Each structure stands twice: as C-alpha cells, then as structure tokens.
Amino acid sequence: MRIEITVPLKFADEVVRDLVGRGGTVSDRSEVSTGAAISGLVPLGAMSDYGADLRAMSHGQGTFRMALDHYDAQPSRS
C-alpha cells in the first residue's frame, strides 16, 4: 500500500520508525506548512488499526491516506 502521512514535526521520527517496524519503506519525507509529510510503501497486512496507532503516536494530530500501489509476493517466513 502507498501511504501518505502528515504529522507535526515533533512526531515525524516516531512515525518513520513505526513504518519501518511494520516492514515498510519511506520514499519521501519533507516539511510542509502543517508539519512533516511522509510517504512510502507498507504491506497491507501490517496496516490494521493504523489509524488508532497514528492517533496515539501523534496525540490525535496526524492524518494519513492509504491506497493500493501494487501487488507483490509476501516474503516467506522462516
């Protein structure tokens, strides 16, 4: 899934760490008038309850949009 997140700057590092922890990759991070804009790719299976998690990380100030980017084989688990 392609994800686009906007959060106040003080929460951006935590959000990036969370996305990477979910197996995602961050493709862009920039400053915007409302804080930080973060975009990247994250497996759909890792995104359940993301809205609640983002609200907790950003104290209710973060927003996100998610859309299908492409299908890919899931890595096998050893």
PDB file of N, CA and C in Angstrom:
ATOM      1  N   MET A   1       0.847  -1.176   0.000  1.00  0.00           N
ATOM      2  CA  MET A   1       0.000   0.000   0.000  1.00  0.00           C
ATOM      3  C   MET A   1       0.896   1.244   0.000  1.00  0.00           C
ATOM      4  N   ARG A   2       0.470   2.242  -0.756  1.00  0.00           N
ATOM      5  CA  ARG A   2       1.133   3.538  -0.698  1.00  0.00           C
ATOM      6  C   ARG A   2       0.478   4.311   0.427  1.00  0.00           C
ATOM      7  N   ILE A   3       1.298   4.901   1.280  1.00  0.00           N
ATOM      8  CA  ILE A   3       0.758   5.653   2.408  1.00  0.00           C
ATOM      9  C   ILE A   3       1.342   7.053   2.406  1.00  0.00           C
ATOM     10  N   GLU A   4       0.506   8.018   2.723  1.00  0.00           N
ATOM     11  CA  GLU A   4       0.916   9.413   2.847  1.00  0.00           C
ATOM     12  C   GLU A   4       0.431   9.907   4.204  1.00  0.00           C
ATOM     13  N   ILE A   5       1.368  10.379   5.002  1.00  0.00           N
ATOM     14  CA  ILE A   5       1.081  10.764   6.378  1.00  0.00           C
ATOM     15  C   ILE A   5       1.492  12.209   6.588  1.00  0.00           C
ATOM     16  N   THR A   6       0.694  12.961   7.319  1.00  0.00           N
ATOM     17  CA  THR A   6       1.054  14.315   7.727  1.00  0.00           C
ATOM     18  C   THR A   6       0.942  14.381   9.243  1.00  0.00           C
ATOM     19  N   VAL A   7       2.045  14.791   9.881  1.00  0.00           N
ATOM     20  CA  VAL A   7       2.083  14.915  11.338  1.00  0.00           C
ATOM     21  C   VAL A   7       2.891  16.152  11.718  1.00  0.00           C
ATOM     22  N   PRO A   8       2.698  16.689  12.919  1.00  0.00           N
ATOM     23  CA  PRO A   8       3.582  17.740  13.390  1.00  0.00           C
ATOM     24  C   PRO A   8       5.031  17.219  13.412  1.00  0.00           C
ATOM     25  N   LEU A   9       5.982  18.112  13.167  1.00  0.00           N
ATOM     26  CA  LEU A   9       7.392  17.722  13.061  1.00  0.00           C
ATOM     27  C   LEU A   9       7.889  16.907  14.251  1.00  0.00           C
ATOM     28  N   LYS A  10       7.441  17.234  15.446  1.00  0.00           N
ATOM     29  CA  LYS A  10       7.969  16.556  16.629  1.00  0.00           C
ATOM     30  C   LYS A  10       7.609  15.071  16.682  1.00  0.00           C
ATOM     31  N   PHE A  11       6.635  14.619  15.859  1.00  0.00           N
ATOM     32  CA  PHE A  11       6.245  13.210  15.845  1.00  0.00           C
ATOM     33  C   PHE A  11       6.781  12.451  14.631  1.00  0.00           C
ATOM     34  N   ALA A  12       7.441  13.134  13.712  1.00  0.00           N
ATOM     35  CA  ALA A  12       7.854  12.524  12.440  1.00  0.00           C
ATOM     36  C   ALA A  12       8.815  11.350  12.638  1.00  0.00           C
ATOM     37  N   ASP A  13       9.805  11.482  13.501  1.00  0.00           N
ATOM     38  CA  ASP A  13      10.773  10.392  13.688  1.00  0.00           C
ATOM     39  C   ASP A  13      10.094   9.131  14.212  1.00  0.00           C
ATOM     40  N   GLU A  14       9.193   9.290  15.147  1.00  0.00           N
ATOM     41  CA  GLU A  14       8.484   8.132  15.704  1.00  0.00           C
ATOM     42  C   GLU A  14       7.620   7.453  14.642  1.00  0.00           C
ATOM     43  N   VAL A  15       6.974   8.237  13.797  1.00  0.00           N
ATOM     44  CA  VAL A  15       6.143   7.686  12.736  1.00  0.00           C
ATOM     45  C   VAL A  15       6.994   6.915  11.732  1.00  0.00           C
ATOM     46  N   VAL A  16       8.138   7.454  11.362  1.00  0.00           N
ATOM     47  CA  VAL A  16       9.038   6.763  10.426  1.00  0.00           C
ATOM     48  C   VAL A  16       9.514   5.442  11.032  1.00  0.00           C
ATOM     49  N   ARG A  17       9.926   5.455  12.291  1.00  0.00           N
ATOM     50  CA  ARG A  17      10.362   4.219  12.952  1.00  0.00           C
ATOM     51  C   ARG A  17       9.242   3.184  12.968  1.00  0.00           C
ATOM     52  N   ASP A  18       8.021   3.626  13.203  1.00  0.00           N
ATOM     53  CA  ASP A  18       6.884   2.712  13.225  1.00  0.00           C
ATOM     54  C   ASP A  18       6.648   2.090  11.845  1.00  0.00           C
ATOM     55  N   LEU A  19       6.725   2.894  10.786  1.00  0.00           N
ATOM     56  CA  LEU A  19       6.528   2.365   9.439  1.00  0.00           C
ATOM     57  C   LEU A  19       7.589   1.332   9.083  1.00  0.00           C
ATOM     58  N   VAL A  20       8.828   1.617   9.411  1.00  0.00           N
ATOM     59  CA  VAL A  20       9.912   0.669   9.139  1.00  0.00           C
ATOM     60  C   VAL A  20       9.695  -0.604   9.959  1.00  0.00           C
ATOM     61  N   GLY A  21       9.247  -0.473  11.178  1.00  0.00           N
ATOM     62  CA  GLY A  21       8.956  -1.623  12.023  1.00  0.00           C
ATOM     63  C   GLY A  21       7.830  -2.489  11.477  1.00  0.00           C
ATOM     64  N   ARG A  22       6.967  -1.900  10.660  1.00  0.00           N
ATOM     65  CA  ARG A  22       5.873  -2.645  10.031  1.00  0.00           C
ATOM     66  C   ARG A  22       6.304  -3.267   8.708  1.00  0.00           C
ATOM     67  N   GLY A  23       7.591  -3.158   8.381  1.00  0.00           N
ATOM     68  CA  GLY A  23       8.094  -3.721   7.130  1.00  0.00           C
ATOM     69  C   GLY A  23       7.974  -2.768   5.958  1.00  0.00           C
ATOM     70  N   GLY A  24       7.742  -1.506   6.247  1.00  0.00           N
ATOM     71  CA  GLY A  24       7.575  -0.514   5.193  1.00  0.00           C
ATOM     72  C   GLY A  24       8.878   0.165   4.811  1.00  0.00           C
ATOM     73  N   THR A  25       8.815   0.920   3.734  1.00  0.00           N
ATOM     74  CA  THR A  25       9.931   1.741   3.287  1.00  0.00           C
ATOM     75  C   THR A  25       9.430   3.165   3.113  1.00  0.00           C
ATOM     76  N   VAL A  26      10.221   4.123   3.528  1.00  0.00           N
ATOM     77  CA  VAL A  26       9.875   5.532   3.392  1.00  0.00           C
ATOM     78  C   VAL A  26      10.525   6.049   2.117  1.00  0.00           C
ATOM     79  N   SER A  27       9.721   6.586   1.208  1.00  0.00           N
ATOM     80  CA  SER A  27      10.263   7.090  -0.052  1.00  0.00           C
ATOM     81  C   SER A  27      10.477   8.596  -0.039  1.00  0.00           C
ATOM     82  N   ASP A  28       9.774   9.315   0.851  1.00  0.00           N
ATOM     83  CA  ASP A  28       9.934  10.769   0.905  1.00  0.00           C
ATOM     84  C   ASP A  28       9.530  11.273   2.282  1.00  0.00           C
ATOM     85  N   ARG A  29      10.269  12.260   2.719  1.00  0.00           N
ATOM     86  CA  ARG A  29       9.945  12.941   3.980  1.00  0.00           C
ATOM     87  C   ARG A  29      10.295  14.398   3.778  1.00  0.00           C
ATOM     88  N   SER A  30       9.311  15.271   3.946  1.00  0.00           N
ATOM     89  CA  SER A  30       9.556  16.690   3.719  1.00  0.00           C
ATOM     90  C   SER A  30       8.769  17.520   4.723  1.00  0.00           C
ATOM     91  N   GLU A  31       9.174  18.768   4.845  1.00  0.00           N
ATOM     92  CA  GLU A  31       8.461  19.693   5.714  1.00  0.00           C
ATOM     93  C   GLU A  31       7.394  20.408   4.902  1.00  0.00           C
ATOM     94  N   VAL A  32       6.210  20.515   5.490  1.00  0.00           N
ATOM     95  CA  VAL A  32       5.098  21.248   4.891  1.00  0.00           C
ATOM     96  C   VAL A  32       4.585  22.227   5.932  1.00  0.00           C
ATOM     97  N   SER A  33       3.662  23.079   5.553  1.00  0.00           N
ATOM     98  CA  SER A  33       3.169  24.104   6.481  1.00  0.00           C
ATOM     99  C   SER A  33       2.549  23.517   7.743  1.00  0.00           C
ATOM    100  N   THR A  34       2.008  22.292   7.643  1.00  0.00           N
ATOM    101  CA  THR A  34       1.359  21.678   8.801  1.00  0.00           C
ATOM    102  C   THR A  34       2.293  20.754   9.583  1.00  0.00           C
ATOM    103  N   GLY A  35       3.554  20.624   9.171  1.00  0.00           N
ATOM    104  CA  GLY A  35       4.495  19.760   9.885  1.00  0.00           C
ATOM    105  C   GLY A  35       5.353  18.966   8.934  1.00  0.00           C
ATOM    106  N   ALA A  36       5.257  17.644   9.020  1.00  0.00           N
ATOM    107  CA  ALA A  36       6.049  16.755   8.171  1.00  0.00           C
ATOM    108  C   ALA A  36       5.123  15.917   7.308  1.00  0.00           C
ATOM    109  N   ALA A  37       5.497  15.759   6.041  1.00  0.00           N
ATOM    110  CA  ALA A  37       4.784  14.882   5.123  1.00  0.00           C
ATOM    111  C   ALA A  37       5.679  13.679   4.872  1.00  0.00           C
ATOM    112  N   ILE A  38       5.153  12.493   5.107  1.00  0.00           N
ATOM    113  CA  ILE A  38       5.909  11.245   4.972  1.00  0.00           C
ATOM    114  C   ILE A  38       5.153  10.349   4.014  1.00  0.00           C
ATOM    115  N   SER A  39       5.864   9.790   3.042  1.00  0.00           N
ATOM    116  CA  SER A  39       5.206   8.856   2.134  1.00  0.00           C
ATOM    117  C   SER A  39       6.080   7.630   1.953  1.00  0.00           C
ATOM    118  N   GLY A  40       5.435   6.527   1.635  1.00  0.00           N
ATOM    119  CA  GLY A  40       6.178   5.296   1.446  1.00  0.00           C
ATOM    120  C   GLY A  40       5.263   4.143   1.113  1.00  0.00           C
ATOM    121  N   LEU A  41       5.824   2.945   1.176  1.00  0.00           N
ATOM    122  CA  LEU A  41       5.098   1.716   0.901  1.00  0.00           C
ATOM    123  C   LEU A  41       5.116   0.831   2.138  1.00  0.00           C
ATOM    124  N   VAL A  42       3.973   0.241   2.445  1.00  0.00           N
ATOM    125  CA  VAL A  42       3.834  -0.620   3.617  1.00  0.00           C
ATOM    126  C   VAL A  42       2.929  -1.792   3.236  1.00  0.00           C
ATOM    127  N   PRO A  43       3.260  -3.009   3.663  1.00  0.00           N
ATOM    128  CA  PRO A  43       2.371  -4.141   3.378  1.00  0.00           C
ATOM    129  C   PRO A  43       0.990  -3.932   4.013  1.00  0.00           C
ATOM    130  N   LEU A  44      -0.044  -4.273   3.271  1.00  0.00           N
ATOM    131  CA  LEU A  44      -1.411  -4.106   3.773  1.00  0.00           C
ATOM    132  C   LEU A  44      -1.613  -4.843   5.091  1.00  0.00           C
ATOM    133  N   GLY A  45      -1.072  -6.041   5.212  1.00  0.00           N
ATOM    134  CA  GLY A  45      -1.252  -6.828   6.429  1.00  0.00           C
ATOM    135  C   GLY A  45      -0.704  -6.162   7.680  1.00  0.00           C
ATOM    136  N   ALA A  46       0.203  -5.206   7.516  1.00  0.00           N
ATOM    137  CA  ALA A  46       0.787  -4.518   8.661  1.00  0.00           C
ATOM    138  C   ALA A  46       0.036  -3.243   9.028  1.00  0.00           C
ATOM    139  N   MET A  47      -1.034  -2.951   8.305  1.00  0.00           N
ATOM    140  CA  MET A  47      -1.710  -1.671   8.498  1.00  0.00           C
ATOM    141  C   MET A  47      -3.023  -1.749   9.277  1.00  0.00           C
ATOM    142  N   SER A  48      -3.374  -2.916   9.797  1.00  0.00           N
ATOM    143  CA  SER A  48      -4.612  -2.980  10.572  1.00  0.00           C
ATOM    144  C   SER A  48      -4.465  -2.113  11.820  1.00  0.00           C
ATOM    145  N   ASP A  49      -5.481  -1.374  12.136  1.00  0.00           N
ATOM    146  CA  ASP A  49      -5.515  -0.458  13.286  1.00  0.00           C
ATOM    147  C   ASP A  49      -4.509   0.681  13.176  1.00  0.00           C
ATOM    148  N   TYR A  50      -4.025   0.991  11.976  1.00  0.00           N
ATOM    149  CA  TYR A  50      -3.034   2.062  11.860  1.00  0.00           C
ATOM    150  C   TYR A  50      -3.607   3.408  12.277  1.00  0.00           C
ATOM    151  N   GLY A  51      -4.856   3.658  11.974  1.00  0.00           N
ATOM    152  CA  GLY A  51      -5.456   4.939  12.358  1.00  0.00           C
ATOM    153  C   GLY A  51      -5.370   5.185  13.852  1.00  0.00           C
ATOM    154  N   ALA A  52      -5.697   4.183  14.639  1.00  0.00           N
ATOM    155  CA  ALA A  52      -5.613   4.318  16.096  1.00  0.00           C
ATOM    156  C   ALA A  52      -4.166   4.468  16.548  1.00  0.00           C
ATOM    157  N   ASP A  53      -3.264   3.712  15.919  1.00  0.00           N
ATOM    158  CA  ASP A  53      -1.844   3.807  16.288  1.00  0.00           C
ATOM    159  C   ASP A  53      -1.283   5.183  15.961  1.00  0.00           C
ATOM    160  N   LEU A  54      -1.640   5.730  14.796  1.00  0.00           N
ATOM    161  CA  LEU A  54      -1.161   7.064  14.423  1.00  0.00           C
ATOM    162  C   LEU A  54      -1.721   8.124  15.361  1.00  0.00           C
ATOM    163  N   ARG A  55      -2.987   8.010  15.717  1.00  0.00           N
ATOM    164  CA  ARG A  55      -3.564   8.970  16.671  1.00  0.00           C
ATOM    165  C   ARG A  55      -2.807   8.941  17.990  1.00  0.00           C
ATOM    166  N   ALA A  56      -2.458   7.741  18.454  1.00  0.00           N
ATOM    167  CA  ALA A  56      -1.726   7.630  19.716  1.00  0.00           C
ATOM    168  C   ALA A  56      -0.327   8.236  19.590  1.00  0.00           C
ATOM    169  N   MET A  57       0.374   7.934  18.492  1.00  0.00           N
ATOM    170  CA  MET A  57       1.735   8.460  18.297  1.00  0.00           C
ATOM    171  C   MET A  57       1.757   9.978  18.162  1.00  0.00           C
ATOM    172  N   SER A  58       0.724  10.541  17.542  1.00  0.00           N
ATOM    173  CA  SER A  58       0.726  11.976  17.237  1.00  0.00           C
ATOM    174  C   SER A  58      -0.211  12.777  18.141  1.00  0.00           C
ATOM    175  N   HIS A  59      -0.691  12.169  19.203  1.00  0.00           N
ATOM    176  CA  HIS A  59      -1.615  12.820  20.135  1.00  0.00           C
ATOM    177  C   HIS A  59      -2.824  13.389  19.395  1.00  0.00           C
ATOM    178  N   GLY A  60      -3.324  12.613  18.422  1.00  0.00           N
ATOM    179  CA  GLY A  60      -4.517  12.993  17.693  1.00  0.00           C
ATOM    180  C   GLY A  60      -4.301  14.003  16.577  1.00  0.00           C
ATOM    181  N   GLN A  61      -3.053  14.337  16.266  1.00  0.00           N
ATOM    182  CA  GLN A  61      -2.789  15.395  15.290  1.00  0.00           C
ATOM    183  C   GLN A  61      -2.347  14.893  13.925  1.00  0.00           C
ATOM    184  N   GLY A  62      -2.191  13.583  13.753  1.00  0.00           N
ATOM    185  CA  GLY A  62      -1.731  13.033  12.479  1.00  0.00           C
ATOM    186  C   GLY A  62      -2.873  12.596  11.591  1.00  0.00           C
ATOM    187  N   THR A  63      -2.654  12.682  10.289  1.00  0.00           N
ATOM    188  CA  THR A  63      -3.616  12.188   9.317  1.00  0.00           C
ATOM    189  C   THR A  63      -2.873  11.308   8.313  1.00  0.00           C
ATOM    190  N   PHE A  64      -3.608  10.393   7.681  1.00  0.00           N
ATOM    191  CA  PHE A  64      -2.979   9.567   6.663  1.00  0.00           C
ATOM    192  C   PHE A  64      -3.977   9.193   5.588  1.00  0.00           C
ATOM    193  N   ARG A  65      -3.424   8.884   4.414  1.00  0.00           N
ATOM    194  CA  ARG A  65      -4.188   8.342   3.298  1.00  0.00           C
ATOM    195  C   ARG A  65      -3.455   7.097   2.834  1.00  0.00           C
ATOM    196  N   MET A  66      -4.215   6.109   2.442  1.00  0.00           N
ATOM    197  CA  MET A  66      -3.622   4.851   2.012  1.00  0.00           C
ATOM    198  C   MET A  66      -4.342   4.410   0.738  1.00  0.00           C
ATOM    199  N   ALA A  67      -3.560   3.912  -0.220  1.00  0.00           N
ATOM    200  CA  ALA A  67      -4.132   3.440  -1.481  1.00  0.00           C
ATOM    201  C   ALA A  67      -3.298   2.277  -2.000  1.00  0.00           C
ATOM    202  N   LEU A  68      -3.941   1.416  -2.757  1.00  0.00           N
ATOM    203  CA  LEU A  68      -3.232   0.296  -3.354  1.00  0.00           C
ATOM    204  C   LEU A  68      -2.176   0.820  -4.309  1.00  0.00           C
ATOM    205  N   ASP A  69      -0.960   0.336  -4.161  1.00  0.00           N
ATOM    206  CA  ASP A  69       0.126   0.714  -5.063  1.00  0.00           C
ATOM    207  C   ASP A  69       0.412  -0.417  -6.046  1.00  0.00           C
ATOM    208  N   HIS A  70       0.599  -1.619  -5.523  1.00  0.00           N
ATOM    209  CA  HIS A  70       0.857  -2.772  -6.388  1.00  0.00           C
ATOM    210  C   HIS A  70       0.715  -4.059  -5.582  1.00  0.00           C
ATOM    211  N   TYR A  71       0.598  -5.148  -6.293  1.00  0.00           N
ATOM    212  CA  TYR A  71       0.597  -6.461  -5.667  1.00  0.00           C
ATOM    213  C   TYR A  71       2.016  -6.995  -5.721  1.00  0.00           C
ATOM    214  N   ASP A  72       2.413  -7.744  -4.697  1.00  0.00           N
ATOM    215  CA  ASP A  72       3.738  -8.348  -4.659  1.00  0.00           C
ATOM    216  C   ASP A  72       3.653  -9.592  -3.789  1.00  0.00           C
ATOM    217  N   ALA A  73       4.525 -10.538  -4.052  1.00  0.00           N
ATOM    218  CA  ALA A  73       4.564 -11.758  -3.230  1.00  0.00           C
ATOM    219  C   ALA A  73       5.052 -11.394  -1.831  1.00  0.00           C
ATOM    220  N   GLN A  74       4.435 -12.012  -0.847  1.00  0.00           N
ATOM    221  CA  GLN A  74       4.846 -11.793   0.528  1.00  0.00           C
ATOM    222  C   GLN A  74       6.072 -12.656   0.810  1.00  0.00           C
ATOM    223  N   PRO A  75       7.087 -12.078   1.468  1.00  0.00           N
ATOM    224  CA  PRO A  75       8.267 -12.885   1.801  1.00  0.00           C
ATOM    225  C   PRO A  75       7.876 -14.086   2.664  1.00  0.00           C
ATOM    226  N   SER A  76       8.520 -15.211   2.433  1.00  0.00           N
ATOM    227  CA  SER A  76       8.219 -16.394   3.231  1.00  0.00           C
ATOM    228  C   SER A  76       8.781 -16.221   4.639  1.00  0.00           C
ATOM    229  N   ARG A  77       8.085 -16.788   5.590  1.00  0.00           N
ATOM    230  CA  ARG A  77       8.524 -16.694   6.989  1.00  0.00           C
ATOM    231  C   ARG A  77       9.271 -17.964   7.336  1.00  0.00           C
ATOM    232  N   SER A  78      10.433 -17.781   7.919  1.00  0.00           N
ATOM    233  CA  SER A  78      11.248 -18.967   8.289  1.00  0.00           C
ATOM    234  C   SER A  78      10.980 -19.396   9.694  1.00  0.00           C
TER     235      SER A  78
END
